[in-house]
Structures are given as C-alpha cells and as structure tokens.
PDB file of N, CA and C in Angstrom:
ATOM      1  N   MET A   1      19.412   7.288   9.452  1.00  0.00           N
ATOM      2  CA  MET A   1      19.027   7.783   8.150  1.00  0.00           C
ATOM      3  C   MET A   1      18.516   9.219   8.312  1.00  0.00           C
ATOM      4  N   THR A   2      19.002  10.122   7.482  1.00  0.00           N
ATOM      5  CA  THR A   2      18.563  11.513   7.553  1.00  0.00           C
ATOM      6  C   THR A   2      17.161  11.637   6.961  1.00  0.00           C
ATOM      7  N   PRO A   3      16.434  12.708   7.337  1.00  0.00           N
ATOM      8  CA  PRO A   3      15.082  12.872   6.776  1.00  0.00           C
ATOM      9  C   PRO A   3      15.082  12.901   5.243  1.00  0.00           C
ATOM     10  N   GLY A   4      16.086  13.543   4.634  1.00  0.00           N
ATOM     11  CA  GLY A   4      16.162  13.584   3.174  1.00  0.00           C
ATOM     12  C   GLY A   4      16.382  12.213   2.569  1.00  0.00           C
ATOM     13  N   THR A   5      17.226  11.416   3.216  1.00  0.00           N
ATOM     14  CA  THR A   5      17.485  10.057   2.740  1.00  0.00           C
ATOM     15  C   THR A   5      16.233   9.200   2.872  1.00  0.00           C
ATOM     16  N   ALA A   6      15.520   9.348   3.977  1.00  0.00           N
ATOM     17  CA  ALA A   6      14.287   8.580   4.184  1.00  0.00           C
ATOM     18  C   ALA A   6      13.247   8.937   3.122  1.00  0.00           C
ATOM     19  N   LYS A   7      13.110  10.227   2.801  1.00  0.00           N
ATOM     20  CA  LYS A   7      12.147  10.653   1.776  1.00  0.00           C
ATOM     21  C   LYS A   7      12.520  10.088   0.411  1.00  0.00           C
ATOM     22  N   ARG A   8      13.808  10.152   0.106  1.00  0.00           N
ATOM     23  CA  ARG A   8      14.278   9.628  -1.172  1.00  0.00           C
ATOM     24  C   ARG A   8      14.007   8.125  -1.270  1.00  0.00           C
ATOM     25  N   LYS A   9      14.307   7.411  -0.198  1.00  0.00           N
ATOM     26  CA  LYS A   9      14.077   5.961  -0.150  1.00  0.00           C
ATOM     27  C   LYS A   9      12.582   5.650  -0.303  1.00  0.00           C
ATOM     28  N   GLY A  10      11.750   6.451   0.356  1.00  0.00           N
ATOM     29  CA  GLY A  10      10.303   6.274   0.240  1.00  0.00           C
ATOM     30  C   GLY A  10       9.815   6.492  -1.177  1.00  0.00           C
ATOM     31  N   ARG A  11      10.282   7.558  -1.828  1.00  0.00           N
ATOM     32  CA  ARG A  11       9.898   7.820  -3.223  1.00  0.00           C
ATOM     33  C   ARG A  11      10.352   6.684  -4.134  1.00  0.00           C
ATOM     34  N   GLU A  12      11.595   6.234  -3.936  1.00  0.00           N
ATOM     35  CA  GLU A  12      12.128   5.139  -4.746  1.00  0.00           C
ATOM     36  C   GLU A  12      11.282   3.871  -4.577  1.00  0.00           C
ATOM     37  N   THR A  13      10.915   3.571  -3.351  1.00  0.00           N
ATOM     38  CA  THR A  13      10.110   2.385  -3.073  1.00  0.00           C
ATOM     39  C   THR A  13       8.736   2.502  -3.717  1.00  0.00           C
ATOM     40  N   GLU A  14       8.102   3.644  -3.588  1.00  0.00           N
ATOM     41  CA  GLU A  14       6.790   3.859  -4.201  1.00  0.00           C
ATOM     42  C   GLU A  14       6.888   3.739  -5.717  1.00  0.00           C
ATOM     43  N   ASN A  15       7.925   4.320  -6.315  1.00  0.00           N
ATOM     44  CA  ASN A  15       8.103   4.241  -7.769  1.00  0.00           C
ATOM     45  C   ASN A  15       8.313   2.801  -8.229  1.00  0.00           C
ATOM     46  N   ARG A  16       9.087   2.030  -7.471  1.00  0.00           N
ATOM     47  CA  ARG A  16       9.302   0.620  -7.828  1.00  0.00           C
ATOM     48  C   ARG A  16       7.978  -0.151  -7.785  1.00  0.00           C
ATOM     49  N   LEU A  17       7.160   0.132  -6.772  1.00  0.00           N
ATOM     50  CA  LEU A  17       5.876  -0.559  -6.681  1.00  0.00           C
ATOM     51  C   LEU A  17       4.979  -0.167  -7.850  1.00  0.00           C
ATOM     52  N   VAL A  18       4.934   1.106  -8.198  1.00  0.00           N
ATOM     53  CA  VAL A  18       4.108   1.547  -9.328  1.00  0.00           C
ATOM     54  C   VAL A  18       4.576   0.869 -10.616  1.00  0.00           C
ATOM     55  N   GLU A  19       5.872   0.799 -10.839  1.00  0.00           N
ATOM     56  CA  GLU A  19       6.396   0.111 -12.029  1.00  0.00           C
ATOM     57  C   GLU A  19       5.963  -1.355 -12.037  1.00  0.00           C
ATOM     58  N   TRP A  20       6.052  -2.002 -10.876  1.00  0.00           N
ATOM     59  CA  TRP A  20       5.654  -3.403 -10.769  1.00  0.00           C
ATOM     60  C   TRP A  20       4.161  -3.553 -11.058  1.00  0.00           C
ATOM     61  N   LEU A  21       3.349  -2.663 -10.494  1.00  0.00           N
ATOM     62  CA  LEU A  21       1.903  -2.715 -10.725  1.00  0.00           C
ATOM     63  C   LEU A  21       1.582  -2.517 -12.208  1.00  0.00           C
ATOM     64  N   HIS A  22       2.250  -1.574 -12.860  1.00  0.00           N
ATOM     65  CA  HIS A  22       2.034  -1.361 -14.297  1.00  0.00           C
ATOM     66  C   HIS A  22       2.330  -2.638 -15.077  1.00  0.00           C
ATOM     67  N   ALA A  23       3.418  -3.309 -14.730  1.00  0.00           N
ATOM     68  CA  ALA A  23       3.815  -4.534 -15.433  1.00  0.00           C
ATOM     69  C   ALA A  23       2.903  -5.718 -15.138  1.00  0.00           C
ATOM     70  N   HIS A  24       2.073  -5.593 -14.097  1.00  0.00           N
ATOM     71  CA  HIS A  24       1.210  -6.709 -13.695  1.00  0.00           C
ATOM     72  C   HIS A  24      -0.280  -6.384 -13.796  1.00  0.00           C
ATOM     73  N   GLY A  25      -0.628  -5.496 -14.719  1.00  0.00           N
ATOM     74  CA  GLY A  25      -2.033  -5.280 -15.038  1.00  0.00           C
ATOM     75  C   GLY A  25      -2.745  -4.150 -14.322  1.00  0.00           C
ATOM     76  N   TRP A  26      -1.996  -3.242 -13.696  1.00  0.00           N
ATOM     77  CA  TRP A  26      -2.607  -2.094 -13.037  1.00  0.00           C
ATOM     78  C   TRP A  26      -2.038  -0.815 -13.671  1.00  0.00           C
ATOM     79  N   PRO A  27      -2.418  -0.509 -14.924  1.00  0.00           N
ATOM     80  CA  PRO A  27      -1.774   0.574 -15.684  1.00  0.00           C
ATOM     81  C   PRO A  27      -2.067   1.993 -15.191  1.00  0.00           C
ATOM     82  N   TYR A  28      -3.080   2.161 -14.370  1.00  0.00           N
ATOM     83  CA  TYR A  28      -3.459   3.515 -13.947  1.00  0.00           C
ATOM     84  C   TYR A  28      -2.914   3.908 -12.580  1.00  0.00           C
ATOM     85  N   THR A  29      -2.091   3.057 -12.007  1.00  0.00           N
ATOM     86  CA  THR A  29      -1.537   3.384 -10.690  1.00  0.00           C
ATOM     87  C   THR A  29      -0.486   4.472 -10.806  1.00  0.00           C
ATOM     88  N   GLU A  30      -0.405   5.290  -9.749  1.00  0.00           N
ATOM     89  CA  GLU A  30       0.605   6.350  -9.664  1.00  0.00           C
ATOM     90  C   GLU A  30       0.796   6.760  -8.218  1.00  0.00           C
ATOM     91  N   ARG A  31       1.941   7.394  -7.966  1.00  0.00           N
ATOM     92  CA  ARG A  31       2.214   7.900  -6.620  1.00  0.00           C
ATOM     93  C   ARG A  31       1.299   9.080  -6.341  1.00  0.00           C
ATOM     94  N   ARG A  32       0.839   9.168  -5.109  1.00  0.00           N
ATOM     95  CA  ARG A  32       0.039  10.323  -4.688  1.00  0.00           C
ATOM     96  C   ARG A  32       0.945  11.362  -4.054  1.00  0.00           C
ATOM     97  N   ARG A  33       0.527  12.584  -4.134  1.00  0.00           N
ATOM     98  CA  ARG A  33       1.234  13.661  -3.439  1.00  0.00           C
ATOM     99  C   ARG A  33       0.862  13.620  -1.970  1.00  0.00           C
ATOM    100  N   LEU A  34       1.766  14.108  -1.130  1.00  0.00           N
ATOM    101  CA  LEU A  34       1.477  14.182   0.304  1.00  0.00           C
ATOM    102  C   LEU A  34       0.283  15.085   0.549  1.00  0.00           C
ATOM    103  N   ALA A  35      -0.568  14.693   1.500  1.00  0.00           N
ATOM    104  CA  ALA A  35      -1.788  15.463   1.756  1.00  0.00           C
ATOM    105  C   ALA A  35      -1.977  15.778   3.234  1.00  0.00           C
ATOM    106  N   GLY A  36      -0.944  15.624   4.054  1.00  0.00           N
ATOM    107  CA  GLY A  36      -1.049  15.944   5.473  1.00  0.00           C
ATOM    108  C   GLY A  36      -2.085  15.101   6.176  1.00  0.00           C
ATOM    109  N   THR A  37      -2.965  15.752   6.933  1.00  0.00           N
ATOM    110  CA  THR A  37      -3.974  15.019   7.708  1.00  0.00           C
ATOM    111  C   THR A  37      -5.042  14.385   6.820  1.00  0.00           C
ATOM    112  N   ALA A  38      -5.128  14.812   5.554  1.00  0.00           N
ATOM    113  CA  ALA A  38      -6.098  14.241   4.621  1.00  0.00           C
ATOM    114  C   ALA A  38      -5.465  13.156   3.745  1.00  0.00           C
ATOM    115  N   ASP A  39      -4.359  12.573   4.207  1.00  0.00           N
ATOM    116  CA  ASP A  39      -3.636  11.561   3.443  1.00  0.00           C
ATOM    117  C   ASP A  39      -4.566  10.408   3.073  1.00  0.00           C
ATOM    118  N   ARG A  40      -4.468   9.942   1.818  1.00  0.00           N
ATOM    119  CA  ARG A  40      -5.305   8.853   1.318  1.00  0.00           C
ATOM    120  C   ARG A  40      -4.469   7.666   0.851  1.00  0.00           C
ATOM    121  N   GLY A  41      -3.251   7.546   1.382  1.00  0.00           N
ATOM    122  CA  GLY A  41      -2.361   6.468   0.973  1.00  0.00           C
ATOM    123  C   GLY A  41      -1.328   6.960  -0.012  1.00  0.00           C
ATOM    124  N   ASP A  42      -0.418   6.075  -0.392  1.00  0.00           N
ATOM    125  CA  ASP A  42       0.713   6.452  -1.232  1.00  0.00           C
ATOM    126  C   ASP A  42       0.509   6.188  -2.714  1.00  0.00           C
ATOM    127  N   ILE A  43      -0.353   5.234  -3.053  1.00  0.00           N
ATOM    128  CA  ILE A  43      -0.541   4.836  -4.439  1.00  0.00           C
ATOM    129  C   ILE A  43      -2.025   4.924  -4.785  1.00  0.00           C
ATOM    130  N   SER A  44      -2.328   5.555  -5.910  1.00  0.00           N
ATOM    131  CA  SER A  44      -3.704   5.597  -6.398  1.00  0.00           C
ATOM    132  C   SER A  44      -3.809   4.752  -7.658  1.00  0.00           C
ATOM    133  N   GLY A  45      -5.042   4.514  -8.088  1.00  0.00           N
ATOM    134  CA  GLY A  45      -5.265   3.824  -9.347  1.00  0.00           C
ATOM    135  C   GLY A  45      -5.823   2.417  -9.227  1.00  0.00           C
ATOM    136  N   VAL A  46      -6.026   1.942  -8.002  1.00  0.00           N
ATOM    137  CA  VAL A  46      -6.726   0.681  -7.779  1.00  0.00           C
ATOM    138  C   VAL A  46      -8.015   1.077  -7.060  1.00  0.00           C
ATOM    139  N   ILE A  47      -9.098   1.133  -7.784  1.00  0.00           N
ATOM    140  CA  ILE A  47     -10.346   1.694  -7.275  1.00  0.00           C
ATOM    141  C   ILE A  47     -10.815   0.961  -6.021  1.00  0.00           C
ATOM    142  N   GLY A  48     -11.142   1.751  -4.992  1.00  0.00           N
ATOM    143  CA  GLY A  48     -11.665   1.200  -3.752  1.00  0.00           C
ATOM    144  C   GLY A  48     -10.618   0.636  -2.807  1.00  0.00           C
ATOM    145  N   VAL A  49      -9.316   0.795  -3.168  1.00  0.00           N
ATOM    146  CA  VAL A  49      -8.237   0.234  -2.358  1.00  0.00           C
ATOM    147  C   VAL A  49      -7.240   1.332  -1.979  1.00  0.00           C
ATOM    148  N   THR A  50      -6.966   1.435  -0.693  1.00  0.00           N
ATOM    149  CA  THR A  50      -5.936   2.345  -0.206  1.00  0.00           C
ATOM    150  C   THR A  50      -4.647   1.553  -0.063  1.00  0.00           C
ATOM    151  N   ILE A  51      -3.560   2.087  -0.655  1.00  0.00           N
ATOM    152  CA  ILE A  51      -2.266   1.414  -0.600  1.00  0.00           C
ATOM    153  C   ILE A  51      -1.262   2.341   0.072  1.00  0.00           C
ATOM    154  N   GLU A  52      -0.765   1.895   1.210  1.00  0.00           N
ATOM    155  CA  GLU A  52       0.288   2.601   1.954  1.00  0.00           C
ATOM    156  C   GLU A  52       1.575   1.813   1.741  1.00  0.00           C
ATOM    157  N   VAL A  53       2.685   2.507   1.518  1.00  0.00           N
ATOM    158  CA  VAL A  53       3.958   1.851   1.237  1.00  0.00           C
ATOM    159  C   VAL A  53       4.964   2.217   2.317  1.00  0.00           C
ATOM    160  N   LYS A  54       5.662   1.196   2.834  1.00  0.00           N
ATOM    161  CA  LYS A  54       6.668   1.400   3.878  1.00  0.00           C
ATOM    162  C   LYS A  54       7.979   0.746   3.455  1.00  0.00           C
ATOM    163  N   SER A  55       9.078   1.412   3.792  1.00  0.00           N
ATOM    164  CA  SER A  55      10.395   0.891   3.467  1.00  0.00           C
ATOM    165  C   SER A  55      11.292   1.002   4.686  1.00  0.00           C
ATOM    166  N   GLY A  56      12.045  -0.043   4.949  1.00  0.00           N
ATOM    167  CA  GLY A  56      12.997   0.042   6.037  1.00  0.00           C
ATOM    168  C   GLY A  56      13.071  -1.200   6.887  1.00  0.00           C
ATOM    169  N   ALA A  57      13.981  -1.155   7.819  1.00  0.00           N
ATOM    170  CA  ALA A  57      14.263  -2.318   8.654  1.00  0.00           C
ATOM    171  C   ALA A  57      13.326  -2.433   9.842  1.00  0.00           C
ATOM    172  N   ARG A  58      12.770  -1.322  10.312  1.00  0.00           N
ATOM    173  CA  ARG A  58      11.956  -1.343  11.523  1.00  0.00           C
ATOM    174  C   ARG A  58      10.489  -1.579  11.173  1.00  0.00           C
ATOM    175  N   LEU A  59       9.923  -2.610  11.776  1.00  0.00           N
ATOM    176  CA  LEU A  59       8.511  -2.913  11.565  1.00  0.00           C
ATOM    177  C   LEU A  59       7.667  -2.245  12.643  1.00  0.00           C
ATOM    178  N   ASP A  60       6.584  -1.594  12.220  1.00  0.00           N
ATOM    179  CA  ASP A  60       5.640  -0.977  13.149  1.00  0.00           C
ATOM    180  C   ASP A  60       4.230  -1.298  12.667  1.00  0.00           C
ATOM    181  N   ILE A  61       3.908  -2.575  12.653  1.00  0.00           N
ATOM    182  CA  ILE A  61       2.645  -3.003  12.068  1.00  0.00           C
ATOM    183  C   ILE A  61       1.443  -2.354  12.753  1.00  0.00           C
ATOM    184  N   ALA A  62       1.450  -2.275  14.077  1.00  0.00           N
ATOM    185  CA  ALA A  62       0.319  -1.657  14.789  1.00  0.00           C
ATOM    186  C   ALA A  62       0.150  -0.200  14.370  1.00  0.00           C
ATOM    187  N   GLY A  63       1.238   0.528  14.292  1.00  0.00           N
ATOM    188  CA  GLY A  63       1.183   1.931  13.867  1.00  0.00           C
ATOM    189  C   GLY A  63       0.731   2.061  12.427  1.00  0.00           C
ATOM    190  N   TRP A  64       1.220   1.172  11.576  1.00  0.00           N
ATOM    191  CA  TRP A  64       0.838   1.224  10.171  1.00  0.00           C
ATOM    192  C   TRP A  64      -0.634   0.904   9.976  1.00  0.00           C
ATOM    193  N   MET A  65      -1.175  -0.002  10.780  1.00  0.00           N
ATOM    194  CA  MET A  65      -2.592  -0.341  10.653  1.00  0.00           C
ATOM    195  C   MET A  65      -3.466   0.848  11.074  1.00  0.00           C
ATOM    196  N   LYS A  66      -3.041   1.574  12.115  1.00  0.00           N
ATOM    197  CA  LYS A  66      -3.780   2.781  12.522  1.00  0.00           C
ATOM    198  C   LYS A  66      -3.739   3.820  11.413  1.00  0.00           C
ATOM    199  N   GLU A  67      -2.563   4.005  10.819  1.00  0.00           N
ATOM    200  CA  GLU A  67      -2.411   4.948   9.713  1.00  0.00           C
ATOM    201  C   GLU A  67      -3.282   4.533   8.532  1.00  0.00           C
ATOM    202  N   LEU A  68      -3.279   3.250   8.202  1.00  0.00           N
ATOM    203  CA  LEU A  68      -4.089   2.750   7.094  1.00  0.00           C
ATOM    204  C   LEU A  68      -5.572   2.989   7.349  1.00  0.00           C
ATOM    205  N   GLU A  69      -6.019   2.760   8.564  1.00  0.00           N
ATOM    206  CA  GLU A  69      -7.430   2.958   8.911  1.00  0.00           C
ATOM    207  C   GLU A  69      -7.865   4.402   8.632  1.00  0.00           C
ATOM    208  N   VAL A  70      -7.051   5.364   9.044  1.00  0.00           N
ATOM    209  CA  VAL A  70      -7.352   6.786   8.805  1.00  0.00           C
ATOM    210  C   VAL A  70      -7.356   7.076   7.304  1.00  0.00           C
ATOM    211  N   GLU A  71      -6.360   6.559   6.603  1.00  0.00           N
ATOM    212  CA  GLU A  71      -6.254   6.812   5.165  1.00  0.00           C
ATOM    213  C   GLU A  71      -7.418   6.201   4.395  1.00  0.00           C
ATOM    214  N   MET A  72      -7.881   5.025   4.816  1.00  0.00           N
ATOM    215  CA  MET A  72      -9.029   4.408   4.153  1.00  0.00           C
ATOM    216  C   MET A  72     -10.281   5.258   4.311  1.00  0.00           C
ATOM    217  N   VAL A  73     -10.472   5.853   5.486  1.00  0.00           N
ATOM    218  CA  VAL A  73     -11.604   6.757   5.696  1.00  0.00           C
ATOM    219  C   VAL A  73     -11.453   7.964   4.773  1.00  0.00           C
ATOM    220  N   ASN A  74     -10.265   8.566   4.748  1.00  0.00           N
ATOM    221  CA  ASN A  74     -10.019   9.733   3.885  1.00  0.00           C
ATOM    222  C   ASN A  74     -10.216   9.391   2.412  1.00  0.00           C
ATOM    223  N   ASP A  75      -9.851   8.171   2.034  1.00  0.00           N
ATOM    224  CA  ASP A  75      -9.916   7.712   0.649  1.00  0.00           C
ATOM    225  C   ASP A  75     -11.288   7.148   0.282  1.00  0.00           C
ATOM    226  N   ARG A  76     -12.150   6.985   1.290  1.00  0.00           N
ATOM    227  CA  ARG A  76     -13.467   6.364   1.110  1.00  0.00           C
ATOM    228  C   ARG A  76     -13.322   4.977   0.470  1.00  0.00           C
ATOM    229  N   ALA A  77     -12.341   4.221   0.965  1.00  0.00           N
ATOM    230  CA  ALA A  77     -12.035   2.901   0.408  1.00  0.00           C
ATOM    231  C   ALA A  77     -12.554   1.794   1.314  1.00  0.00           C
ATOM    232  N   ASP A  78     -12.993   0.713   0.699  1.00  0.00           N
ATOM    233  CA  ASP A  78     -13.462  -0.460   1.440  1.00  0.00           C
ATOM    234  C   ASP A  78     -12.313  -1.408   1.782  1.00  0.00           C
ATOM    235  N   LEU A  79     -11.258  -1.356   0.982  1.00  0.00           N
ATOM    236  CA  LEU A  79     -10.123  -2.250   1.154  1.00  0.00           C
ATOM    237  C   LEU A  79      -8.846  -1.432   1.296  1.00  0.00           C
ATOM    238  N   GLY A  80      -7.872  -1.996   1.983  1.00  0.00           N
ATOM    239  CA  GLY A  80      -6.597  -1.305   2.126  1.00  0.00           C
ATOM    240  C   GLY A  80      -5.514  -2.270   2.552  1.00  0.00           C
ATOM    241  N   LEU A  81      -4.282  -1.921   2.213  1.00  0.00           N
ATOM    242  CA  LEU A  81      -3.149  -2.736   2.613  1.00  0.00           C
ATOM    243  C   LEU A  81      -1.903  -1.882   2.720  1.00  0.00           C
ATOM    244  N   VAL A  82      -0.973  -2.390   3.498  1.00  0.00           N
ATOM    245  CA  VAL A  82       0.334  -1.772   3.633  1.00  0.00           C
ATOM    246  C   VAL A  82       1.317  -2.679   2.909  1.00  0.00           C
ATOM    247  N   VAL A  83       2.044  -2.112   1.950  1.00  0.00           N
ATOM    248  CA  VAL A  83       3.081  -2.851   1.242  1.00  0.00           C
ATOM    249  C   VAL A  83       4.396  -2.524   1.921  1.00  0.00           C
ATOM    250  N   VAL A  84       5.127  -3.553   2.337  1.00  0.00           N
ATOM    251  CA  VAL A  84       6.355  -3.383   3.108  1.00  0.00           C
ATOM    252  C   VAL A  84       7.550  -3.871   2.291  1.00  0.00           C
ATOM    253  N   ARG A  85       8.517  -2.980   2.122  1.00  0.00           N
ATOM    254  CA  ARG A  85       9.780  -3.334   1.457  1.00  0.00           C
ATOM    255  C   ARG A  85      10.802  -3.649   2.542  1.00  0.00           C
ATOM    256  N   PRO A  86      11.175  -4.918   2.700  1.00  0.00           N
ATOM    257  CA  PRO A  86      12.187  -5.242   3.703  1.00  0.00           C
ATOM    258  C   PRO A  86      13.531  -4.607   3.350  1.00  0.00           C
ATOM    259  N   LYS A  87      14.299  -4.300   4.348  1.00  0.00           N
ATOM    260  CA  LYS A  87      15.610  -3.691   4.148  1.00  0.00           C
ATOM    261  C   LYS A  87      16.464  -4.578   3.234  1.00  0.00           C
ATOM    262  N   GLY A  88      17.108  -3.933   2.269  1.00  0.00           N
ATOM    263  CA  GLY A  88      18.001  -4.637   1.363  1.00  0.00           C
ATOM    264  C   GLY A  88      17.296  -5.459   0.305  1.00  0.00           C
ATOM    265  N   CYS A  89      16.016  -5.204   0.066  1.00  0.00           N
ATOM    266  CA  CYS A  89      15.226  -6.016  -0.861  1.00  0.00           C
ATOM    267  C   CYS A  89      14.595  -5.107  -1.924  1.00  0.00           C
ATOM    268  N   PRO A  90      15.267  -4.884  -3.053  1.00  0.00           N
ATOM    269  CA  PRO A  90      14.756  -3.951  -4.050  1.00  0.00           C
ATOM    270  C   PRO A  90      13.626  -4.484  -4.935  1.00  0.00           C
ATOM    271  N   ASP A  91      13.412  -5.797  -4.970  1.00  0.00           N
ATOM    272  CA  ASP A  91      12.451  -6.405  -5.885  1.00  0.00           C
ATOM    273  C   ASP A  91      11.068  -6.532  -5.258  1.00  0.00           C
ATOM    274  N   PRO A  92      10.074  -5.820  -5.792  1.00  0.00           N
ATOM    275  CA  PRO A  92       8.715  -5.909  -5.231  1.00  0.00           C
ATOM    276  C   PRO A  92       8.147  -7.318  -5.175  1.00  0.00           C
ATOM    277  N   GLU A  93       8.652  -8.233  -5.968  1.00  0.00           N
ATOM    278  CA  GLU A  93       8.191  -9.625  -5.918  1.00  0.00           C
ATOM    279  C   GLU A  93       8.414 -10.243  -4.541  1.00  0.00           C
ATOM    280  N   ALA A  94       9.382  -9.694  -3.785  1.00  0.00           N
ATOM    281  CA  ALA A  94       9.722 -10.253  -2.469  1.00  0.00           C
ATOM    282  C   ALA A  94       9.218  -9.388  -1.314  1.00  0.00           C
ATOM    283  N   TRP A  95       8.433  -8.365  -1.610  1.00  0.00           N
ATOM    284  CA  TRP A  95       7.892  -7.509  -0.557  1.00  0.00           C
ATOM    285  C   TRP A  95       6.666  -8.172   0.054  1.00  0.00           C
ATOM    286  N   TRP A  96       6.153  -7.569   1.101  1.00  0.00           N
ATOM    287  CA  TRP A  96       5.020  -8.133   1.824  1.00  0.00           C
ATOM    288  C   TRP A  96       3.815  -7.195   1.747  1.00  0.00           C
ATOM    289  N   ALA A  97       2.631  -7.766   1.805  1.00  0.00           N
ATOM    290  CA  ALA A  97       1.396  -7.003   1.942  1.00  0.00           C
ATOM    291  C   ALA A  97       0.810  -7.359   3.302  1.00  0.00           C
ATOM    292  N   VAL A  98       0.497  -6.335   4.080  1.00  0.00           N
ATOM    293  CA  VAL A  98      -0.051  -6.525   5.420  1.00  0.00           C
ATOM    294  C   VAL A  98      -1.399  -5.815   5.469  1.00  0.00           C
ATOM    295  N   MET A  99      -2.395  -6.507   6.021  1.00  0.00           N
ATOM    296  CA  MET A  99      -3.722  -5.898   6.116  1.00  0.00           C
ATOM    297  C   MET A  99      -4.451  -6.445   7.329  1.00  0.00           C
ATOM    298  N   PRO A 100      -5.435  -5.699   7.809  1.00  0.00           N
ATOM    299  CA  PRO A 100      -6.249  -6.215   8.913  1.00  0.00           C
ATOM    300  C   PRO A 100      -7.007  -7.472   8.469  1.00  0.00           C
ATOM    301  N   VAL A 101      -7.199  -8.397   9.380  1.00  0.00           N
ATOM    302  CA  VAL A 101      -7.881  -9.664   9.085  1.00  0.00           C
ATOM    303  C   VAL A 101      -9.259  -9.443   8.455  1.00  0.00           C
ATOM    304  N   PRO A 102     -10.103  -8.523   8.974  1.00  0.00           N
ATOM    305  CA  PRO A 102     -11.420  -8.356   8.340  1.00  0.00           C
ATOM    306  C   PRO A 102     -11.326  -7.978   6.858  1.00  0.00           C
ATOM    307  N   ILE A 103     -10.321  -7.183   6.493  1.00  0.00           N
ATOM    308  CA  ILE A 103     -10.156  -6.799   5.089  1.00  0.00           C
ATOM    309  C   ILE A 103      -9.717  -8.001   4.264  1.00  0.00           C
ATOM    310  N   ALA A 104      -8.792  -8.791   4.783  1.00  0.00           N
ATOM    311  CA  ALA A 104      -8.331  -9.976   4.055  1.00  0.00           C
ATOM    312  C   ALA A 104      -9.495 -10.919   3.767  1.00  0.00           C
ATOM    313  N   PHE A 105     -10.336 -11.149   4.760  1.00  0.00           N
ATOM    314  CA  PHE A 105     -11.433 -12.083   4.556  1.00  0.00           C
ATOM    315  C   PHE A 105     -12.569 -11.478   3.737  1.00  0.00           C
ATOM    316  N   LYS A 106     -12.702 -10.157   3.762  1.00  0.00           N
ATOM    317  CA  LYS A 106     -13.667  -9.493   2.870  1.00  0.00           C
ATOM    318  C   LYS A 106     -13.243  -9.735   1.420  1.00  0.00           C
ATOM    319  N   MET A 107     -11.940  -9.606   1.147  1.00  0.00           N
ATOM    320  CA  MET A 107     -11.438  -9.862  -0.201  1.00  0.00           C
ATOM    321  C   MET A 107     -11.688 -11.318  -0.611  1.00  0.00           C
ATOM    322  N   LEU A 108     -11.433 -12.241   0.296  1.00  0.00           N
ATOM    323  CA  LEU A 108     -11.651 -13.650  -0.011  1.00  0.00           C
ATOM    324  C   LEU A 108     -13.132 -13.944  -0.247  1.00  0.00           C
ATOM    325  N   ARG A 109     -13.995 -13.349   0.562  1.00  0.00           N
ATOM    326  CA  ARG A 109     -15.440 -13.553   0.396  1.00  0.00           C
ATOM    327  C   ARG A 109     -15.890 -13.035  -0.970  1.00  0.00           C
ATOM    328  N   GLU A 110     -15.415 -11.843  -1.342  1.00  0.00           N
ATOM    329  CA  GLU A 110     -15.790 -11.275  -2.640  1.00  0.00           C
ATOM    330  C   GLU A 110     -15.283 -12.136  -3.786  1.00  0.00           C
ATOM    331  N   ARG A 111     -14.085 -12.679  -3.642  1.00  0.00           N
ATOM    332  CA  ARG A 111     -13.546 -13.578  -4.681  1.00  0.00           C
ATOM    333  C   ARG A 111     -14.418 -14.824  -4.795  1.00  0.00           C
ATOM    334  N   ASP A 112     -14.791 -15.401  -3.645  1.00  0.00           N
ATOM    335  CA  ASP A 112     -15.630 -16.596  -3.648  1.00  0.00           C
ATOM    336  C   ASP A 112     -16.984 -16.317  -4.296  1.00  0.00           C
ATOM    337  N   GLU A 113     -17.550 -15.159  -4.033  1.00  0.00           N
ATOM    338  CA  GLU A 113     -18.850 -14.798  -4.609  1.00  0.00           C
ATOM    339  C   GLU A 113     -18.747 -14.650  -6.125  1.00  0.00           C
ATOM    340  N   ARG A 114     -17.636 -14.123  -6.610  1.00  0.00           N
ATOM    341  CA  ARG A 114     -17.443 -13.961  -8.055  1.00  0.00           C
ATOM    342  C   ARG A 114     -17.240 -15.309  -8.753  1.00  0.00           C
ATOM    343  N   THR A 115     -16.577 -16.219  -8.085  1.00  0.00           N
ATOM    344  CA  THR A 115     -16.218 -17.497  -8.737  1.00  0.00           C
ATOM    345  C   THR A 115     -17.239 -18.607  -8.521  1.00  0.00           C
ATOM    346  N   SER A 116     -18.182 -18.420  -7.599  1.00  0.00           N
ATOM    347  CA  SER A 116     -19.133 -19.495  -7.311  1.00  0.00           C
ATOM    348  C   SER A 116     -20.369 -19.454  -8.203  1.00  0.00           C
ATOM    349  N   GLY A 117     -20.528 -18.391  -8.954  1.00  0.00           N
ATOM    350  CA  GLY A 117     -21.734 -18.247  -9.731  1.00  0.00           C
ATOM    351  C   GLY A 117     -21.683 -18.906 -11.022  1.00  0.00           C
TER     352      GLY A 117
END
C-alpha cells in the first residue's frame, strides 16, 4: 500500500467511525488533525477518552498500546482505546476495541459504582 493510499484508508476509517458514533449517541465526535509528537488520538468528542483508530491487515497491538499511552498523556485522558478495522470489514459494528486491562477494569468499576447506588 502506498503512503497516499494508507492515508486515504485511514481517513475513510476514521470518518466511518465518526458517522457510527454520531448514530449511536456521540454527536460531538470528530476527526482530529495530525499533531505530530503532541498527538492526542484520532477522534475527539468523548470527554476523558482518547480514541486511536487503526485500519489494515497487520496487527501491532503492543505498538498501538505504547502509542495510546503517549496520546492519553497528551490528551490528559483517564481512559483510552484503539479501534481496529479488520481488513475487508467496512462496518464499524464488526470492528474491535482494544485497551489495556487496567483501563478496561477502571471502566467496569466506574459502571458498577454508578449502578450500585
């Protein structure tokens, strides 16, 4: 894949996710502009959450988690996830969300605290 094709595919994937988020109750989400070393993730509009989006056949979960960690610091976010679009899968309903275990359980703990009262 050429660099131009990869960028186009990345933009398309981010746009599809934003459309999906809008349709599912996240109306303020939008694609972020590239920010170099100060990158804060690909999608904004979910307060306190850094969202990185990946598209393609090659999985690099360890690398993506390192990238997410840096972006969460830059974004001053408590939560973060990587949304992965598998190759040949245009529908966000079938994509994956990957996150570090401590973040997943922090989300579950917060949900339990909200619902137990």
